[in-house]
Amino acid sequence: RWKVSDPNAEGEEGVPVRSVTLSPDGRTATVRF
């Protein structure tokens, strides 16, 4: 596994979640990173 921020560095990275909203019917979660 290679980091997205540095293609020459091994590992995975966290992608911060900024906000989550829910559709009016409550079924679709829009997860913004």
Full PDB file with SEQRES, HELIX, SHEET, SSBOND, CRYST1, ORIGX, SCALE, CONECT and MASTER records, all heavy atoms in Angstrom:
SEQRES   1 A   33  ARG TRP LYS VAL SER ASP PRO ASN ALA GLU GLY GLU GLU          
SEQRES   2 A   33  GLY VAL PRO VAL ARG SER VAL THR LEU SER PRO ASP GLY          
SEQRES   3 A   33  ARG THR ALA THR VAL ARG PHE                                  
SHEET    1 AA1 2 SER A  19  LEU A  22  0                                        
SHEET    2 AA1 2 ALA A  29  ARG A  32 -1                                        
CRYST1    1.000    1.000    1.000  90.00  90.00  90.00 P 1           1          
ORIGX1      1.000000  0.000000  0.000000        0.00000                         
ORIGX2      0.000000  1.000000  0.000000        0.00000                         
ORIGX3      0.000000  0.000000  1.000000        0.00000                         
SCALE1      1.000000  0.000000  0.000000        0.00000                         
SCALE2      0.000000  1.000000  0.000000        0.00000                         
SCALE3      0.000000  0.000000  1.000000        0.00000                         
ATOM      1  N   ARG A   1       0.852  -1.182   0.000  1.00  0.00           N  
ATOM      2  CA  ARG A   1       0.000   0.000   0.000  1.00  0.00           C  
ATOM      3  C   ARG A   1       0.893   1.239   0.000  1.00  0.00           C  
ATOM      4  O   ARG A   1       1.848   1.331   0.767  1.00  0.00           O  
ATOM      5  CB  ARG A   1      -0.926  -0.008   1.207  1.00  0.00           C  
ATOM      6  CG  ARG A   1      -1.841  -1.232   1.209  1.00  0.00           C  
ATOM      7  CD  ARG A   1      -2.785  -1.263   2.377  1.00  0.00           C  
ATOM      8  NE  ARG A   1      -3.574  -2.488   2.326  1.00  0.00           N  
ATOM      9  CZ  ARG A   1      -4.617  -2.743   3.096  1.00  0.00           C  
ATOM     10  NH1 ARG A   1      -5.005  -1.852   3.999  1.00  0.00           N  
ATOM     11  NH2 ARG A   1      -5.278  -3.874   2.981  1.00  0.00           N  
ATOM     12  N   TRP A   2       0.526   2.177  -0.869  1.00  0.00           N  
ATOM     13  CA  TRP A   2       1.331   3.388  -1.023  1.00  0.00           C  
ATOM     14  C   TRP A   2       0.474   4.605  -0.734  1.00  0.00           C  
ATOM     15  O   TRP A   2      -0.673   4.704  -1.180  1.00  0.00           O  
ATOM     16  CB  TRP A   2       1.922   3.454  -2.431  1.00  0.00           C  
ATOM     17  CG  TRP A   2       2.823   2.283  -2.710  1.00  0.00           C  
ATOM     18  CD1 TRP A   2       2.477   1.094  -3.273  1.00  0.00           C  
ATOM     19  CD2 TRP A   2       4.218   2.176  -2.387  1.00  0.00           C  
ATOM     20  NE1 TRP A   2       3.548   0.246  -3.341  1.00  0.00           N  
ATOM     21  CE2 TRP A   2       4.644   0.882  -2.810  1.00  0.00           C  
ATOM     22  CE3 TRP A   2       5.137   3.036  -1.808  1.00  0.00           C  
ATOM     23  CZ2 TRP A   2       5.956   0.443  -2.654  1.00  0.00           C  
ATOM     24  CZ3 TRP A   2       6.454   2.603  -1.645  1.00  0.00           C  
ATOM     25  CH2 TRP A   2       6.850   1.324  -2.068  1.00  0.00           C  
ATOM     26  N   LYS A   3       1.043   5.542   0.010  1.00  0.00           N  
ATOM     27  CA  LYS A   3       0.293   6.716   0.438  1.00  0.00           C  
ATOM     28  C   LYS A   3      -0.117   7.576  -0.751  1.00  0.00           C  
ATOM     29  O   LYS A   3       0.643   7.732  -1.709  1.00  0.00           O  
ATOM     30  CB  LYS A   3       1.128   7.549   1.410  1.00  0.00           C  
ATOM     31  CG  LYS A   3       1.347   6.877   2.758  1.00  0.00           C  
ATOM     32  CD  LYS A   3       2.091   7.785   3.714  1.00  0.00           C  
ATOM     33  CE  LYS A   3       2.237   7.127   5.083  1.00  0.00           C  
ATOM     34  NZ  LYS A   3       2.956   8.013   6.037  1.00  0.00           N  
ATOM     35  N   VAL A   4      -1.305   8.128  -0.654  1.00  0.00           N  
ATOM     36  CA  VAL A   4      -1.806   9.019  -1.688  1.00  0.00           C  
ATOM     37  C   VAL A   4      -1.006  10.329  -1.692  1.00  0.00           C  
ATOM     38  O   VAL A   4      -0.722  10.897  -2.743  1.00  0.00           O  
ATOM     39  CB  VAL A   4      -3.309   9.289  -1.480  1.00  0.00           C  
ATOM     40  CG1 VAL A   4      -3.839  10.278  -2.513  1.00  0.00           C  
ATOM     41  CG2 VAL A   4      -4.096   7.981  -1.541  1.00  0.00           C  
ATOM     42  N   SER A   5      -0.612  10.785  -0.526  1.00  0.00           N  
ATOM     43  CA  SER A   5       0.117  12.057  -0.421  1.00  0.00           C  
ATOM     44  C   SER A   5       1.564  11.939  -0.869  1.00  0.00           C  
ATOM     45  O   SER A   5       2.179  12.938  -1.258  1.00  0.00           O  
ATOM     46  CB  SER A   5       0.075  12.567   1.019  1.00  0.00           C  
ATOM     47  OG  SER A   5       0.746  11.659   1.881  1.00  0.00           O  
ATOM     48  N   ASP A   6       2.118  10.723  -0.810  1.00  0.00           N  
ATOM     49  CA  ASP A   6       3.512  10.502  -1.194  1.00  0.00           C  
ATOM     50  C   ASP A   6       3.624   9.125  -1.829  1.00  0.00           C  
ATOM     51  O   ASP A   6       3.690   8.109  -1.115  1.00  0.00           O  
ATOM     52  CB  ASP A   6       4.423  10.600   0.030  1.00  0.00           C  
ATOM     53  CG  ASP A   6       5.901  10.449  -0.327  1.00  0.00           C  
ATOM     54  OD1 ASP A   6       6.210  10.169  -1.508  1.00  0.00           O  
ATOM     55  OD2 ASP A   6       6.738  10.610   0.569  1.00  0.00           O  
ATOM     56  N   PRO A   7       3.663   9.037  -3.161  1.00  0.00           N  
ATOM     57  CA  PRO A   7       3.675   7.740  -3.849  1.00  0.00           C  
ATOM     58  C   PRO A   7       4.871   6.868  -3.505  1.00  0.00           C  
ATOM     59  O   PRO A   7       4.865   5.675  -3.811  1.00  0.00           O  
ATOM     60  CB  PRO A   7       3.688   8.132  -5.330  1.00  0.00           C  
ATOM     61  CG  PRO A   7       3.168   9.521  -5.375  1.00  0.00           C  
ATOM     62  CD  PRO A   7       3.611  10.164  -4.107  1.00  0.00           C  
ATOM     63  N   ASN A   8       5.890   7.428  -2.880  1.00  0.00           N  
ATOM     64  CA  ASN A   8       7.080   6.661  -2.532  1.00  0.00           C  
ATOM     65  C   ASN A   8       7.107   6.236  -1.067  1.00  0.00           C  
ATOM     66  O   ASN A   8       8.088   5.650  -0.608  1.00  0.00           O  
ATOM     67  CB  ASN A   8       8.340   7.482  -2.840  1.00  0.00           C  
ATOM     68  CG  ASN A   8       8.489   7.727  -4.336  1.00  0.00           C  
ATOM     69  OD1 ASN A   8       8.332   6.810  -5.137  1.00  0.00           O  
ATOM     70  ND2 ASN A   8       8.775   8.968  -4.706  1.00  0.00           N  
ATOM     71  N   ALA A   9       6.037   6.532  -0.346  1.00  0.00           N  
ATOM     72  CA  ALA A   9       5.945   6.158   1.065  1.00  0.00           C  
ATOM     73  C   ALA A   9       4.887   5.074   1.245  1.00  0.00           C  
ATOM     74  O   ALA A   9       3.773   5.182   0.733  1.00  0.00           O  
ATOM     75  CB  ALA A   9       5.601   7.372   1.922  1.00  0.00           C  
ATOM     76  N   GLU A  10       5.261   4.029   1.984  1.00  0.00           N  
ATOM     77  CA  GLU A  10       4.318   2.945   2.214  1.00  0.00           C  
ATOM     78  C   GLU A  10       3.272   3.343   3.255  1.00  0.00           C  
ATOM     79  O   GLU A  10       3.540   4.142   4.145  1.00  0.00           O  
ATOM     80  CB  GLU A  10       5.049   1.700   2.705  1.00  0.00           C  
ATOM     81  CG  GLU A  10       5.942   1.045   1.671  1.00  0.00           C  
ATOM     82  CD  GLU A  10       6.588  -0.216   2.215  1.00  0.00           C  
ATOM     83  OE1 GLU A  10       5.955  -0.881   3.066  1.00  0.00           O  
ATOM     84  OE2 GLU A  10       7.721  -0.521   1.812  1.00  0.00           O  
ATOM     85  N   GLY A  11       2.086   2.743   3.105  1.00  0.00           N  
ATOM     86  CA  GLY A  11       1.061   2.916   4.122  1.00  0.00           C  
ATOM     87  C   GLY A  11      -0.232   3.479   3.579  1.00  0.00           C  
ATOM     88  O   GLY A  11      -0.334   3.845   2.409  1.00  0.00           O  
ATOM     89  N   GLU A  12      -1.231   3.539   4.450  1.00  0.00           N  
ATOM     90  CA  GLU A  12      -2.513   4.139   4.116  1.00  0.00           C  
ATOM     91  C   GLU A  12      -2.711   5.374   4.973  1.00  0.00           C  
ATOM     92  O   GLU A  12      -2.048   5.541   5.991  1.00  0.00           O  
ATOM     93  CB  GLU A  12      -3.644   3.139   4.320  1.00  0.00           C  
ATOM     94  CG  GLU A  12      -3.721   2.564   5.723  1.00  0.00           C  
ATOM     95  CD  GLU A  12      -4.717   1.426   5.824  1.00  0.00           C  
ATOM     96  OE1 GLU A  12      -4.492   0.366   5.203  1.00  0.00           O  
ATOM     97  OE2 GLU A  12      -5.726   1.613   6.532  1.00  0.00           O  
ATOM     98  N   GLU A  13      -3.641   6.209   4.555  1.00  0.00           N  
ATOM     99  CA  GLU A  13      -3.847   7.478   5.246  1.00  0.00           C  
ATOM    100  C   GLU A  13      -5.321   7.694   5.530  1.00  0.00           C  
ATOM    101  O   GLU A  13      -6.185   7.286   4.743  1.00  0.00           O  
ATOM    102  CB  GLU A  13      -3.334   8.638   4.385  1.00  0.00           C  
ATOM    103  CG  GLU A  13      -1.844   8.567   4.101  1.00  0.00           C  
ATOM    104  CD  GLU A  13      -1.427   9.565   3.037  1.00  0.00           C  
ATOM    105  OE1 GLU A  13      -1.846   9.408   1.873  1.00  0.00           O  
ATOM    106  OE2 GLU A  13      -0.695  10.501   3.381  1.00  0.00           O  
ATOM    107  N   GLY A  14      -5.591   8.373   6.634  1.00  0.00           N  
ATOM    108  CA  GLY A  14      -6.960   8.748   6.946  1.00  0.00           C  
ATOM    109  C   GLY A  14      -7.423   9.896   6.079  1.00  0.00           C  
ATOM    110  O   GLY A  14      -6.629  10.756   5.678  1.00  0.00           O  
ATOM    111  N   VAL A  15      -8.707   9.897   5.765  1.00  0.00           N  
ATOM    112  CA  VAL A  15      -9.319  10.980   4.994  1.00  0.00           C  
ATOM    113  C   VAL A  15     -10.358  11.617   5.915  1.00  0.00           C  
ATOM    114  O   VAL A  15     -11.408  11.021   6.182  1.00  0.00           O  
ATOM    115  CB  VAL A  15      -9.977  10.462   3.700  1.00  0.00           C  
ATOM    116  CG1 VAL A  15     -10.376  11.633   2.805  1.00  0.00           C  
ATOM    117  CG2 VAL A  15      -9.061   9.507   2.954  1.00  0.00           C  
ATOM    118  N   PRO A  16     -10.108  12.800   6.422  1.00  0.00           N  
ATOM    119  CA  PRO A  16     -11.017  13.398   7.403  1.00  0.00           C  
ATOM    120  C   PRO A  16     -12.426  13.599   6.850  1.00  0.00           C  
ATOM    121  O   PRO A  16     -12.607  14.041   5.715  1.00  0.00           O  
ATOM    122  CB  PRO A  16     -10.356  14.746   7.716  1.00  0.00           C  
ATOM    123  CG  PRO A  16      -8.915  14.568   7.351  1.00  0.00           C  
ATOM    124  CD  PRO A  16      -8.913  13.635   6.184  1.00  0.00           C  
ATOM    125  N   VAL A  17     -13.404  13.269   7.681  1.00  0.00           N  
ATOM    126  CA  VAL A  17     -14.807  13.506   7.336  1.00  0.00           C  
ATOM    127  C   VAL A  17     -15.173  14.911   7.800  1.00  0.00           C  
ATOM    128  O   VAL A  17     -15.025  15.253   8.978  1.00  0.00           O  
ATOM    129  CB  VAL A  17     -15.724  12.468   8.007  1.00  0.00           C  
ATOM    130  CG1 VAL A  17     -17.187  12.762   7.682  1.00  0.00           C  
ATOM    131  CG2 VAL A  17     -15.347  11.064   7.558  1.00  0.00           C  
ATOM    132  N   ARG A  18     -15.655  15.721   6.872  1.00  0.00           N  
ATOM    133  CA  ARG A  18     -15.971  17.120   7.170  1.00  0.00           C  
ATOM    134  C   ARG A  18     -17.407  17.282   7.651  1.00  0.00           C  
ATOM    135  O   ARG A  18     -17.689  18.037   8.582  1.00  0.00           O  
ATOM    136  CB  ARG A  18     -15.730  17.975   5.923  1.00  0.00           C  
ATOM    137  CG  ARG A  18     -15.802  19.473   6.165  1.00  0.00           C  
ATOM    138  CD  ARG A  18     -15.396  20.224   4.906  1.00  0.00           C  
ATOM    139  NE  ARG A  18     -16.318  19.942   3.805  1.00  0.00           N  
ATOM    140  CZ  ARG A  18     -16.099  20.283   2.544  1.00  0.00           C  
ATOM    141  NH1 ARG A  18     -14.970  20.888   2.217  1.00  0.00           N  
ATOM    142  NH2 ARG A  18     -16.991  20.019   1.606  1.00  0.00           N  
ATOM    143  N   SER A  19     -18.337  16.592   7.003  1.00  0.00           N  
ATOM    144  CA  SER A  19     -19.746  16.701   7.411  1.00  0.00           C  
ATOM    145  C   SER A  19     -20.516  15.532   6.821  1.00  0.00           C  
ATOM    146  O   SER A  19     -20.066  14.867   5.870  1.00  0.00           O  
ATOM    147  CB  SER A  19     -20.363  18.017   6.914  1.00  0.00           C  
ATOM    148  OG  SER A  19     -20.447  18.035   5.501  1.00  0.00           O  
ATOM    149  N   VAL A  20     -21.691  15.282   7.388  1.00  0.00           N  
ATOM    150  CA  VAL A  20     -22.599  14.258   6.869  1.00  0.00           C  
ATOM    151  C   VAL A  20     -24.008  14.830   6.884  1.00  0.00           C  
ATOM    152  O   VAL A  20     -24.459  15.364   7.903  1.00  0.00           O  
ATOM    153  CB  VAL A  20     -22.564  12.968   7.714  1.00  0.00           C  
ATOM    154  CG1 VAL A  20     -23.443  11.899   7.065  1.00  0.00           C  
ATOM    155  CG2 VAL A  20     -21.142  12.468   7.890  1.00  0.00           C  
ATOM    156  N   THR A  21     -24.687  14.723   5.769  1.00  0.00           N  
ATOM    157  CA  THR A  21     -26.095  15.142   5.695  1.00  0.00           C  
ATOM    158  C   THR A  21     -26.945  13.973   5.261  1.00  0.00           C  
ATOM    159  O   THR A  21     -26.454  13.013   4.643  1.00  0.00           O  
ATOM    160  CB  THR A  21     -26.268  16.316   4.714  1.00  0.00           C  
ATOM    161  OG1 THR A  21     -25.792  15.928   3.408  1.00  0.00           O  
ATOM    162  CG2 THR A  21     -25.491  17.540   5.175  1.00  0.00           C  
ATOM    163  N   LEU A  22     -28.215  14.070   5.570  1.00  0.00           N  
ATOM    164  CA  LEU A  22     -29.151  12.986   5.278  1.00  0.00           C  
ATOM    165  C   LEU A  22     -30.237  13.502   4.352  1.00  0.00           C  
ATOM    166  O   LEU A  22     -30.734  14.628   4.503  1.00  0.00           O  
ATOM    167  CB  LEU A  22     -29.756  12.474   6.582  1.00  0.00           C  
ATOM    168  CG  LEU A  22     -30.262  11.028   6.645  1.00  0.00           C  
ATOM    169  CD1 LEU A  22     -29.162  10.039   6.283  1.00  0.00           C  
ATOM    170  CD2 LEU A  22     -30.802  10.728   8.044  1.00  0.00           C  
ATOM    171  N   SER A  23     -30.628  12.700   3.384  1.00  0.00           N  
ATOM    172  CA  SER A  23     -31.679  13.075   2.445  1.00  0.00           C  
ATOM    173  C   SER A  23     -33.022  13.167   3.173  1.00  0.00           C  
ATOM    174  O   SER A  23     -33.189  12.614   4.266  1.00  0.00           O  
ATOM    175  CB  SER A  23     -31.771  12.047   1.317  1.00  0.00           C  
ATOM    176  OG  SER A  23     -32.090  10.769   1.845  1.00  0.00           O  
ATOM    177  N   PRO A  24     -34.009  13.874   2.587  1.00  0.00           N  
ATOM    178  CA  PRO A  24     -35.312  14.018   3.256  1.00  0.00           C  
ATOM    179  C   PRO A  24     -35.965  12.697   3.627  1.00  0.00           C  
ATOM    180  O   PRO A  24     -36.662  12.617   4.650  1.00  0.00           O  
ATOM    181  CB  PRO A  24     -36.144  14.791   2.229  1.00  0.00           C  
ATOM    182  CG  PRO A  24     -35.129  15.583   1.456  1.00  0.00           C  
ATOM    183  CD  PRO A  24     -33.929  14.696   1.355  1.00  0.00           C  
ATOM    184  N   ASP A  25     -35.734  11.640   2.809  1.00  0.00           N  
ATOM    185  CA  ASP A  25     -36.348  10.350   3.144  1.00  0.00           C  
ATOM    186  C   ASP A  25     -35.505   9.553   4.131  1.00  0.00           C  
ATOM    187  O   ASP A  25     -35.883   8.447   4.546  1.00  0.00           O  
ATOM    188  CB  ASP A  25     -36.612   9.521   1.889  1.00  0.00           C  
ATOM    189  CG  ASP A  25     -35.347   9.101   1.156  1.00  0.00           C  
ATOM    190  OD1 ASP A  25     -34.227   9.437   1.624  1.00  0.00           O  
ATOM    191  OD2 ASP A  25     -35.458   8.442   0.099  1.00  0.00           O  
ATOM    192  N   GLY A  26     -34.354  10.088   4.520  1.00  0.00           N  
ATOM    193  CA  GLY A  26     -33.517   9.454   5.529  1.00  0.00           C  
ATOM    194  C   GLY A  26     -32.685   8.289   5.040  1.00  0.00           C  
ATOM    195  O   GLY A  26     -31.981   7.661   5.837  1.00  0.00           O  
ATOM    196  N   ARG A  27     -32.708   8.017   3.751  1.00  0.00           N  
ATOM    197  CA  ARG A  27     -32.038   6.814   3.259  1.00  0.00           C  
ATOM    198  C   ARG A  27     -30.649   7.074   2.675  1.00  0.00           C  
ATOM    199  O   ARG A  27     -29.825   6.149   2.618  1.00  0.00           O  
ATOM    200  CB  ARG A  27     -32.907   6.135   2.200  1.00  0.00           C  
ATOM    201  CG  ARG A  27     -34.217   5.570   2.747  1.00  0.00           C  
ATOM    202  CD  ARG A  27     -35.039   4.914   1.650  1.00  0.00           C  
ATOM    203  NE  ARG A  27     -34.249   3.910   0.971  1.00  0.00           N  
ATOM    204  CZ  ARG A  27     -34.143   3.810  -0.357  1.00  0.00           C  
ATOM    205  NH1 ARG A  27     -34.751   4.693  -1.139  1.00  0.00           N  
ATOM    206  NH2 ARG A  27     -33.408   2.856  -0.898  1.00  0.00           N  
ATOM    207  N   THR A  28     -30.365   8.278   2.209  1.00  0.00           N  
ATOM    208  CA  THR A  28     -29.087   8.567   1.571  1.00  0.00           C  
ATOM    209  C   THR A  28     -28.245   9.486   2.448  1.00  0.00           C  
ATOM    210  O   THR A  28     -28.633  10.611   2.753  1.00  0.00           O  
ATOM    211  CB  THR A  28     -29.281   9.213   0.191  1.00  0.00           C  
ATOM    212  OG1 THR A  28     -30.007   8.318  -0.648  1.00  0.00           O  
ATOM    213  CG2 THR A  28     -27.934   9.510  -0.453  1.00  0.00           C  
ATOM    214  N   ALA A  29     -27.077   8.972   2.826  1.00  0.00           N  
ATOM    215  CA  ALA A  29     -26.118   9.756   3.609  1.00  0.00           C  
ATOM    216  C   ALA A  29     -25.067  10.319   2.659  1.00  0.00           C  
ATOM    217  O   ALA A  29     -24.435   9.564   1.913  1.00  0.00           O  
ATOM    218  CB  ALA A  29     -25.465   8.895   4.671  1.00  0.00           C  
ATOM    219  N   THR A  30     -24.896  11.626   2.656  1.00  0.00           N  
ATOM    220  CA  THR A  30     -23.862  12.282   1.861  1.00  0.00           C  
ATOM    221  C   THR A  30     -22.700  12.601   2.787  1.00  0.00           C  
ATOM    222  O   THR A  30     -22.791  13.501   3.635  1.00  0.00           O  
ATOM    223  CB  THR A  30     -24.402  13.558   1.200  1.00  0.00           C  
ATOM    224  OG1 THR A  30     -25.481  13.203   0.323  1.00  0.00           O  
ATOM    225  CG2 THR A  30     -23.306  14.237   0.389  1.00  0.00           C  
ATOM    226  N   VAL A  31     -21.631  11.842   2.643  1.00  0.00           N  
ATOM    227  CA  VAL A  31     -20.470  11.953   3.520  1.00  0.00           C  
ATOM    228  C   VAL A  31     -19.425  12.809   2.811  1.00  0.00           C  
ATOM    229  O   VAL A  31     -18.841  12.401   1.805  1.00  0.00           O  
ATOM    230  CB  VAL A  31     -19.893  10.570   3.854  1.00  0.00           C  
ATOM    231  CG1 VAL A  31     -18.789  10.688   4.905  1.00  0.00           C  
ATOM    232  CG2 VAL A  31     -20.987   9.614   4.321  1.00  0.00           C  
ATOM    233  N   ARG A  32     -19.219  14.020   3.328  1.00  0.00           N  
ATOM    234  CA  ARG A  32     -18.267  14.953   2.706  1.00  0.00           C  
ATOM    235  C   ARG A  32     -16.917  14.868   3.413  1.00  0.00           C  
ATOM    236  O   ARG A  32     -16.827  14.958   4.631  1.00  0.00           O  
ATOM    237  CB  ARG A  32     -18.805  16.379   2.754  1.00  0.00           C  
ATOM    238  CG  ARG A  32     -20.116  16.541   2.011  1.00  0.00           C  
ATOM    239  CD  ARG A  32     -20.523  17.983   1.803  1.00  0.00           C  
ATOM    240  NE  ARG A  32     -21.802  18.044   1.110  1.00  0.00           N  
ATOM    241  CZ  ARG A  32     -21.948  17.929  -0.202  1.00  0.00           C  
ATOM    242  NH1 ARG A  32     -20.863  17.756  -0.957  1.00  0.00           N  
ATOM    243  NH2 ARG A  32     -23.137  17.982  -0.760  1.00  0.00           N  
ATOM    244  N   PHE A  33     -15.894  14.688   2.589  1.00  0.00           N  
ATOM    245  CA  PHE A  33     -14.534  14.573   3.105  1.00  0.00           C  
ATOM    246  C   PHE A  33     -13.782  15.882   2.852  1.00  0.00           C  
ATOM    247  O   PHE A  33     -14.220  16.739   2.085  1.00  0.00           O  
ATOM    248  CB  PHE A  33     -13.815  13.408   2.430  1.00  0.00           C  
ATOM    249  CG  PHE A  33     -14.420  12.059   2.768  1.00  0.00           C  
ATOM    250  CD1 PHE A  33     -15.467  11.538   2.023  1.00  0.00           C  
ATOM    251  CD2 PHE A  33     -13.942  11.335   3.853  1.00  0.00           C  
ATOM    252  CE1 PHE A  33     -16.021  10.304   2.332  1.00  0.00           C  
ATOM    253  CE2 PHE A  33     -14.497  10.108   4.179  1.00  0.00           C  
ATOM    254  CZ  PHE A  33     -15.535   9.590   3.425  1.00  0.00           C  
TER     255      PHE A  33                                                      
MASTER        0    0    0    0    2    0    0    6  254    1    0    3          
END                                                                             
